[in-house]
Amino acid sequence: MSKINLRSETDCLNCGHQVTERYCSHCGQENREPYESFWSLVIHFVEDITHFDGALFRTCKSLFFAPGKLTQAYLDGKRNSFLHPIRFYLFTSAFFFLTLFYVFQPLQSKLNKNSKAIEVASFQVKLDKRDAFLNSSEIQAYKKNQLAKPESERDSPLFQNIIFHFFELQKKYPESKEFYLALYDGVTHKMSQVLFLTIPLLALILQLVFIRRKYYYFMHHGIFVLHIATSLFITLFIRNVLNIAQLTLSWEFMDVIKNILMLAWFYFYYRSFKNFYQLKAVKSVGLFLTSFIAQLTLVLIVFVSLVLFSFFSL
């Protein structure tokens, strides 16, 4: 523990209020000398990291080993021993995406040189079951074909725009692999912000499912969703570690372990749902599946919208 030099003056340097003890009762700042040596800064940094790690591990332990109890503990006011839900979510999601972009993807590229390093959903536009690439004559024929049809039988404006934009992108990305990688990068780099903005919508679904329970407010559902989303990021991080181990050691059975891991997370979500909302077994299954399917549908809609947005942004 570093030596702390407290000030003899009783005015808080942060807010100006009188300080009667070690910490200001108005803003909470410690009444210490403003000057710090470099060594003191290093010690405080280590202390802060150690304190954060302690709270992080405590929070993770409570999250996974007592499903649903962490959210209830926060709402009951027991907050000093655990990370704030938003801080917990932001730290975990940032750590997940940083390791995904700068650790797992580069490692996967090196370990998987003979095949595609990144698997993406192949979105290929085909006309009359021909090549995925469109030439000028095909585009002109497509336009004439659409104009010749009654308006009710034409392709939707969105689909037509996809066709035309796909044709333009062929000039920018002559190789299909370049196009798919660019689209993948566009989607993944926006994913973290989009998922965070989706949290309130996921909470709104729970609000509607439990609309008759007046003692559950929107904040309750929001905190619960934050904890569930955080648990998913941690689970996906472990899955990425297993994927790297599989590529390194050529262990085919690792696919089974990864599938079991995701099933375990699904069961964890159900247990958290049941415990937090204090539901009986039979009723909990129906409400959980209703909520999960609605949330999954929302996530798919958001994901497709993100793909389309990234596609038109190329």
Protein backbone atom coordinates (compact mmCIF):
# COMPACT_ATOMS: atom_id res chain seq x y z
CA MET A 1 0.00 0.00 0.00
CA SER A 2 1.40 3.43 -0.90
CA LYS A 3 1.93 6.17 1.67
CA ILE A 4 -0.79 8.80 1.51
CA ASN A 5 -0.08 12.42 2.44
CA LEU A 6 -3.30 14.07 3.54
CA ARG A 7 -3.66 17.88 3.40
CA SER A 8 -3.85 19.90 6.58
CA GLU A 9 -6.31 22.29 4.90
CA THR A 10 -10.00 21.39 5.13
CA ASP A 11 -11.22 22.79 1.81
CA CYS A 12 -11.85 20.21 -0.89
CA LEU A 13 -9.68 20.85 -3.95
CA ASN A 14 -12.40 19.43 -6.20
CA CYS A 15 -15.60 21.15 -5.04
CA GLY A 16 -14.50 23.63 -2.36
CA HIS A 17 -16.66 22.20 0.44
CA GLN A 18 -15.33 21.66 3.95
CA VAL A 19 -13.71 18.28 4.54
CA THR A 20 -14.10 16.95 8.06
CA GLU A 21 -12.57 13.52 7.49
CA ARG A 22 -10.39 11.77 4.92
CA TYR A 23 -12.96 12.01 2.11
CA CYS A 24 -15.15 14.93 1.12
CA SER A 25 -18.76 14.25 2.11
CA HIS A 26 -19.98 16.30 -0.88
CA CYS A 27 -18.07 14.86 -3.85
CA GLY A 28 -16.16 11.91 -2.36
CA GLN A 29 -12.66 13.06 -3.34
CA GLU A 30 -9.82 12.15 -0.99
CA ASN A 31 -8.28 15.19 0.72
CA ARG A 32 -4.70 14.34 -0.25
CA GLU A 33 -1.78 16.41 -1.48
CA PRO A 34 -2.09 17.11 -5.22
CA TYR A 35 1.60 16.46 -5.89
CA GLU A 36 2.53 12.84 -6.60
CA SER A 37 5.87 11.32 -7.52
CA PHE A 38 6.19 9.04 -10.51
CA TRP A 39 6.63 6.07 -8.18
CA SER A 40 3.44 7.02 -6.35
CA LEU A 41 1.55 7.13 -9.65
CA VAL A 42 2.82 3.65 -10.54
CA ILE A 43 1.77 2.26 -7.15
CA HIS A 44 -1.70 3.80 -7.42
CA PHE A 45 -2.07 2.36 -10.92
CA VAL A 46 -1.24 -1.13 -9.64
CA GLU A 47 -3.63 -0.67 -6.71
CA ASP A 48 -6.46 0.41 -9.02
CA ILE A 49 -5.89 -2.53 -11.38
CA THR A 50 -5.79 -4.95 -8.45
CA HIS A 51 -8.99 -3.50 -7.03
CA PHE A 52 -10.66 -3.67 -10.45
CA ASP A 53 -9.54 -7.24 -10.99
CA GLY A 54 -10.86 -8.22 -7.58
CA ALA A 55 -14.24 -6.70 -8.32
CA LEU A 56 -14.20 -8.20 -11.82
CA PHE A 57 -13.57 -11.74 -10.64
CA ARG A 58 -16.09 -11.37 -7.83
CA THR A 59 -18.69 -10.13 -10.31
CA CYS A 60 -17.97 -12.95 -12.80
CA LYS A 61 -18.19 -15.54 -10.03
CA SER A 62 -21.54 -14.23 -8.86
CA LEU A 63 -22.79 -13.92 -12.45
CA PHE A 64 -22.12 -17.53 -13.46
CA PHE A 65 -22.37 -19.47 -10.20
CA ALA A 66 -25.57 -17.81 -8.97
CA PRO A 67 -27.63 -17.22 -12.16
CA GLY A 68 -29.89 -14.20 -11.80
CA LYS A 69 -28.66 -13.33 -8.31
CA LEU A 70 -26.17 -10.68 -9.42
CA THR A 71 -28.92 -8.59 -11.00
CA GLN A 72 -31.08 -8.95 -7.90
CA ALA A 73 -28.15 -8.02 -5.64
CA TYR A 74 -27.58 -4.84 -7.64
CA LEU A 75 -31.26 -3.89 -7.46
CA ASP A 76 -31.25 -4.61 -3.72
CA GLY A 77 -28.49 -2.01 -3.30
CA LYS A 78 -25.54 -4.39 -2.81
CA ARG A 79 -23.29 -2.60 -5.27
CA ASN A 80 -19.97 -1.85 -3.62
CA SER A 81 -18.56 -5.37 -4.09
CA PHE A 82 -19.49 -5.71 -7.76
CA LEU A 83 -18.83 -3.82 -10.98
CA HIS A 84 -21.57 -1.52 -12.21
CA PRO A 85 -23.60 -3.37 -14.90
CA ILE A 86 -22.83 -0.83 -17.63
CA ARG A 87 -19.15 -0.68 -16.72
CA PHE A 88 -19.06 -4.50 -16.59
CA TYR A 89 -20.71 -4.73 -20.02
CA LEU A 90 -18.52 -2.08 -21.66
CA PHE A 91 -15.29 -3.56 -20.29
CA THR A 92 -16.25 -7.11 -21.35
CA SER A 93 -17.50 -6.15 -24.82
CA ALA A 94 -14.45 -3.94 -25.46
CA PHE A 95 -12.12 -6.74 -24.34
CA PHE A 96 -13.97 -9.25 -26.53
CA PHE A 97 -13.84 -7.17 -29.71
CA LEU A 98 -10.22 -6.07 -29.15
CA THR A 99 -9.09 -9.67 -28.74
CA LEU A 100 -11.26 -10.69 -31.70
CA PHE A 101 -9.72 -8.13 -34.06
CA TYR A 102 -6.11 -8.10 -32.83
CA VAL A 103 -5.56 -11.58 -31.38
CA PHE A 104 -7.97 -14.26 -32.59
CA GLN A 105 -8.39 -13.17 -36.20
CA PRO A 106 -4.62 -12.76 -36.85
CA LEU A 107 -3.92 -16.10 -35.16
CA GLN A 108 -6.69 -17.77 -37.12
CA SER A 109 -5.26 -16.35 -40.35
CA LYS A 110 -1.82 -17.78 -39.60
CA LEU A 111 -3.10 -21.15 -38.43
CA ASN A 112 -5.52 -21.58 -41.29
CA LYS A 113 -3.48 -20.51 -44.33
CA ASN A 114 -4.83 -23.17 -46.65
CA SER A 115 -8.47 -22.22 -46.17
CA LYS A 116 -10.45 -19.09 -45.53
CA ALA A 117 -9.35 -17.46 -42.29
CA ILE A 118 -12.68 -15.76 -41.81
CA GLU A 119 -15.95 -17.47 -42.61
CA VAL A 120 -18.65 -15.09 -43.72
CA ALA A 121 -22.14 -15.65 -45.01
CA SER A 122 -21.86 -15.73 -48.77
CA PHE A 123 -24.26 -13.20 -50.18
CA GLN A 124 -24.18 -13.75 -53.92
CA VAL A 125 -26.55 -12.08 -56.34
CA LYS A 126 -27.39 -14.38 -59.21
CA LEU A 127 -29.58 -13.77 -62.24
CA ASP A 128 -31.03 -16.73 -64.09
CA LYS A 129 -28.69 -18.99 -62.03
CA ARG A 130 -25.60 -17.65 -63.77
CA ASP A 131 -22.36 -16.26 -62.34
CA ALA A 132 -22.32 -14.14 -59.20
CA PHE A 133 -20.63 -11.40 -61.20
CA LEU A 134 -22.80 -9.17 -63.33
CA ASN A 135 -21.70 -7.51 -66.54
CA SER A 136 -23.17 -4.41 -68.16
CA SER A 137 -25.39 -6.32 -70.59
CA GLU A 138 -26.94 -8.32 -67.73
CA ILE A 139 -27.65 -5.14 -65.78
CA GLN A 140 -29.28 -3.50 -68.80
CA ALA A 141 -31.32 -6.64 -69.49
CA TYR A 142 -32.40 -6.72 -65.85
CA LYS A 143 -33.52 -3.06 -66.00
CA LYS A 144 -35.51 -3.64 -69.21
CA ASN A 145 -37.05 -6.78 -67.77
CA GLN A 146 -38.19 -4.91 -64.67
CA LEU A 147 -39.65 -2.02 -66.68
CA ALA A 148 -41.53 -4.44 -68.90
CA LYS A 149 -43.28 -6.06 -65.93
CA PRO A 150 -46.36 -4.61 -64.23
CA GLU A 151 -45.35 -2.62 -61.16
CA SER A 152 -46.91 -5.21 -58.85
CA GLU A 153 -44.70 -7.98 -60.29
CA ARG A 154 -41.40 -6.11 -60.17
CA ASP A 155 -38.69 -6.82 -57.62
CA SER A 156 -38.80 -4.63 -54.53
CA PRO A 157 -36.90 -1.31 -54.67
CA LEU A 158 -34.53 -2.65 -52.00
CA PHE A 159 -33.66 -5.74 -54.03
CA GLN A 160 -33.15 -3.65 -57.17
CA ASN A 161 -30.84 -1.31 -55.30
CA ILE A 162 -28.88 -4.31 -54.02
CA ILE A 163 -28.47 -5.58 -57.59
CA PHE A 164 -27.27 -2.21 -58.90
CA HIS A 165 -24.95 -1.56 -55.96
CA PHE A 166 -23.50 -5.05 -56.22
CA PHE A 167 -22.67 -4.34 -59.87
CA GLU A 168 -20.90 -1.10 -58.91
CA LEU A 169 -18.93 -2.85 -56.14
CA GLN A 170 -17.50 -5.30 -58.66
CA LYS A 171 -15.43 -2.46 -60.07
CA LYS A 172 -14.10 -1.63 -56.60
CA TYR A 173 -13.57 -5.25 -55.53
CA PRO A 174 -12.65 -7.35 -58.61
CA GLU A 175 -12.08 -10.42 -56.41
CA SER A 176 -15.11 -11.76 -54.54
CA LYS A 177 -12.92 -12.54 -51.51
CA GLU A 178 -12.00 -8.85 -51.23
CA PHE A 179 -15.67 -7.92 -51.25
CA TYR A 180 -16.64 -10.45 -48.56
CA LEU A 181 -13.73 -9.42 -46.32
CA ALA A 182 -14.62 -5.74 -46.70
CA LEU A 183 -18.24 -6.48 -45.85
CA TYR A 184 -17.16 -8.62 -42.88
CA ASP A 185 -14.92 -5.86 -41.54
CA GLY A 186 -17.68 -3.29 -41.95
CA VAL A 187 -20.16 -5.43 -40.03
CA THR A 188 -17.87 -6.50 -37.19
CA HIS A 189 -16.45 -3.03 -36.53
CA LYS A 190 -19.95 -1.61 -36.12
CA MET A 191 -21.25 -4.59 -34.18
CA SER A 192 -20.26 -3.41 -30.69
CA GLN A 193 -22.02 -0.03 -31.02
CA VAL A 194 -25.12 -1.59 -32.59
CA LEU A 195 -25.38 -4.26 -29.90
CA PHE A 196 -25.14 -1.65 -27.15
CA LEU A 197 -27.94 0.35 -28.77
CA THR A 198 -29.99 -2.85 -29.02
CA ILE A 199 -29.90 -3.44 -25.24
CA PRO A 200 -32.89 -1.13 -24.51
CA LEU A 201 -34.95 -2.89 -27.21
CA LEU A 202 -34.18 -6.29 -25.70
CA ALA A 203 -35.20 -4.93 -22.31
CA LEU A 204 -38.42 -3.57 -23.85
CA ILE A 205 -39.34 -7.09 -24.96
CA LEU A 206 -39.04 -8.28 -21.35
CA GLN A 207 -41.08 -5.28 -20.25
CA LEU A 208 -43.87 -6.38 -22.59
CA VAL A 209 -43.63 -10.04 -21.53
CA PHE A 210 -43.97 -9.06 -17.86
CA ILE A 211 -46.27 -6.11 -18.40
CA ARG A 212 -48.70 -7.37 -15.76
CA ARG A 213 -45.99 -7.39 -13.10
CA LYS A 214 -46.07 -3.75 -12.08
CA TYR A 215 -43.19 -4.12 -9.62
CA TYR A 216 -40.75 -4.75 -12.49
CA TYR A 217 -39.64 -1.49 -14.06
CA PHE A 218 -37.79 -0.95 -17.31
CA MET A 219 -34.51 -0.50 -15.40
CA HIS A 220 -34.89 -3.96 -13.86
CA HIS A 221 -35.11 -5.55 -17.30
CA GLY A 222 -32.26 -3.37 -18.59
CA ILE A 223 -29.87 -4.47 -15.83
CA PHE A 224 -30.84 -8.10 -16.40
CA VAL A 225 -30.19 -7.84 -20.16
CA LEU A 226 -26.82 -6.16 -19.54
CA HIS A 227 -25.72 -9.05 -17.34
CA ILE A 228 -26.94 -11.66 -19.84
CA ALA A 229 -25.22 -9.87 -22.75
CA THR A 230 -22.01 -9.68 -20.70
CA SER A 231 -22.18 -13.41 -19.98
CA LEU A 232 -22.54 -14.05 -23.72
CA PHE A 233 -19.39 -12.03 -24.52
CA ILE A 234 -17.43 -14.02 -21.91
CA THR A 235 -18.76 -17.28 -23.35
CA LEU A 236 -17.87 -16.25 -26.91
CA PHE A 237 -14.38 -15.28 -25.75
CA ILE A 238 -13.90 -18.79 -24.30
CA ARG A 239 -15.25 -20.23 -27.55
CA ASN A 240 -12.65 -18.26 -29.52
CA VAL A 241 -9.90 -19.63 -27.24
CA LEU A 242 -11.16 -23.17 -27.91
CA ASN A 243 -11.23 -22.44 -31.64
CA ILE A 244 -7.57 -21.38 -31.60
CA ALA A 245 -6.69 -24.50 -29.58
CA GLN A 246 -8.52 -26.61 -32.17
CA LEU A 247 -6.59 -25.07 -35.05
CA THR A 248 -3.28 -25.38 -33.19
CA LEU A 249 -3.67 -28.97 -32.00
CA SER A 250 -6.00 -30.28 -34.74
CA TRP A 251 -8.47 -31.56 -32.18
CA GLU A 252 -11.67 -32.26 -34.10
CA PHE A 253 -13.59 -33.10 -30.92
CA MET A 254 -13.29 -29.44 -29.93
CA ASP A 255 -16.36 -28.76 -32.09
CA VAL A 256 -18.40 -30.85 -29.67
CA ILE A 257 -17.02 -28.92 -26.70
CA LYS A 258 -17.81 -25.59 -28.36
CA ASN A 259 -21.39 -26.70 -29.03
CA ILE A 260 -21.76 -27.88 -25.43
CA LEU A 261 -20.44 -24.51 -24.27
CA MET A 262 -23.13 -22.63 -26.20
CA LEU A 263 -25.83 -25.01 -24.93
CA ALA A 264 -24.55 -24.42 -21.40
CA TRP A 265 -24.87 -20.67 -21.92
CA PHE A 266 -28.44 -21.15 -23.18
CA TYR A 267 -29.25 -23.14 -20.03
CA PHE A 268 -27.54 -20.47 -17.91
CA TYR A 269 -29.76 -17.83 -19.54
CA TYR A 270 -32.83 -19.89 -18.69
CA ARG A 271 -31.74 -20.37 -15.05
CA SER A 272 -31.01 -16.65 -14.72
CA PHE A 273 -34.40 -15.84 -16.22
CA LYS A 274 -36.21 -18.25 -13.90
CA ASN A 275 -34.39 -17.11 -10.76
CA PHE A 276 -34.51 -13.37 -11.37
CA TYR A 277 -38.20 -13.27 -12.26
CA GLN A 278 -39.01 -15.85 -9.55
CA LEU A 279 -40.93 -18.19 -11.83
CA LYS A 280 -42.11 -21.75 -11.37
CA ALA A 281 -40.60 -24.40 -13.63
CA VAL A 282 -43.51 -24.93 -16.05
CA LYS A 283 -44.41 -21.27 -16.42
CA SER A 284 -40.78 -20.23 -16.71
CA VAL A 285 -40.21 -22.39 -19.81
CA GLY A 286 -43.07 -20.80 -21.76
CA LEU A 287 -42.18 -17.23 -20.81
CA PHE A 288 -38.48 -17.85 -21.42
CA LEU A 289 -39.01 -19.31 -24.90
CA THR A 290 -41.39 -16.46 -25.79
CA SER A 291 -38.86 -13.87 -24.65
CA PHE A 292 -35.89 -15.65 -26.23
CA ILE A 293 -37.55 -16.11 -29.62
CA ALA A 294 -38.68 -12.47 -29.66
CA GLN A 295 -35.20 -11.27 -28.67
CA LEU A 296 -33.52 -13.56 -31.21
CA THR A 297 -35.84 -12.25 -33.92
CA LEU A 298 -34.96 -8.68 -32.97
CA VAL A 299 -31.23 -9.45 -33.04
CA LEU A 300 -31.56 -11.07 -36.48
CA ILE A 301 -33.46 -8.02 -37.80
CA VAL A 302 -30.78 -5.72 -36.39
CA PHE A 303 -28.02 -7.91 -37.84
CA VAL A 304 -29.58 -7.99 -41.34
CA SER A 305 -30.05 -4.22 -41.15
CA LEU A 306 -26.40 -3.83 -40.15
CA VAL A 307 -25.28 -6.04 -43.07
CA LEU A 308 -27.36 -3.99 -45.51
CA PHE A 309 -26.07 -0.73 -44.05
CA SER A 310 -22.46 -1.96 -44.30
CA PHE A 311 -23.13 -3.22 -47.84
CA PHE A 312 -24.40 0.16 -49.06
CA SER A 313 -21.57 1.92 -47.19
CA LEU A 314 -18.89 0.12 -49.22
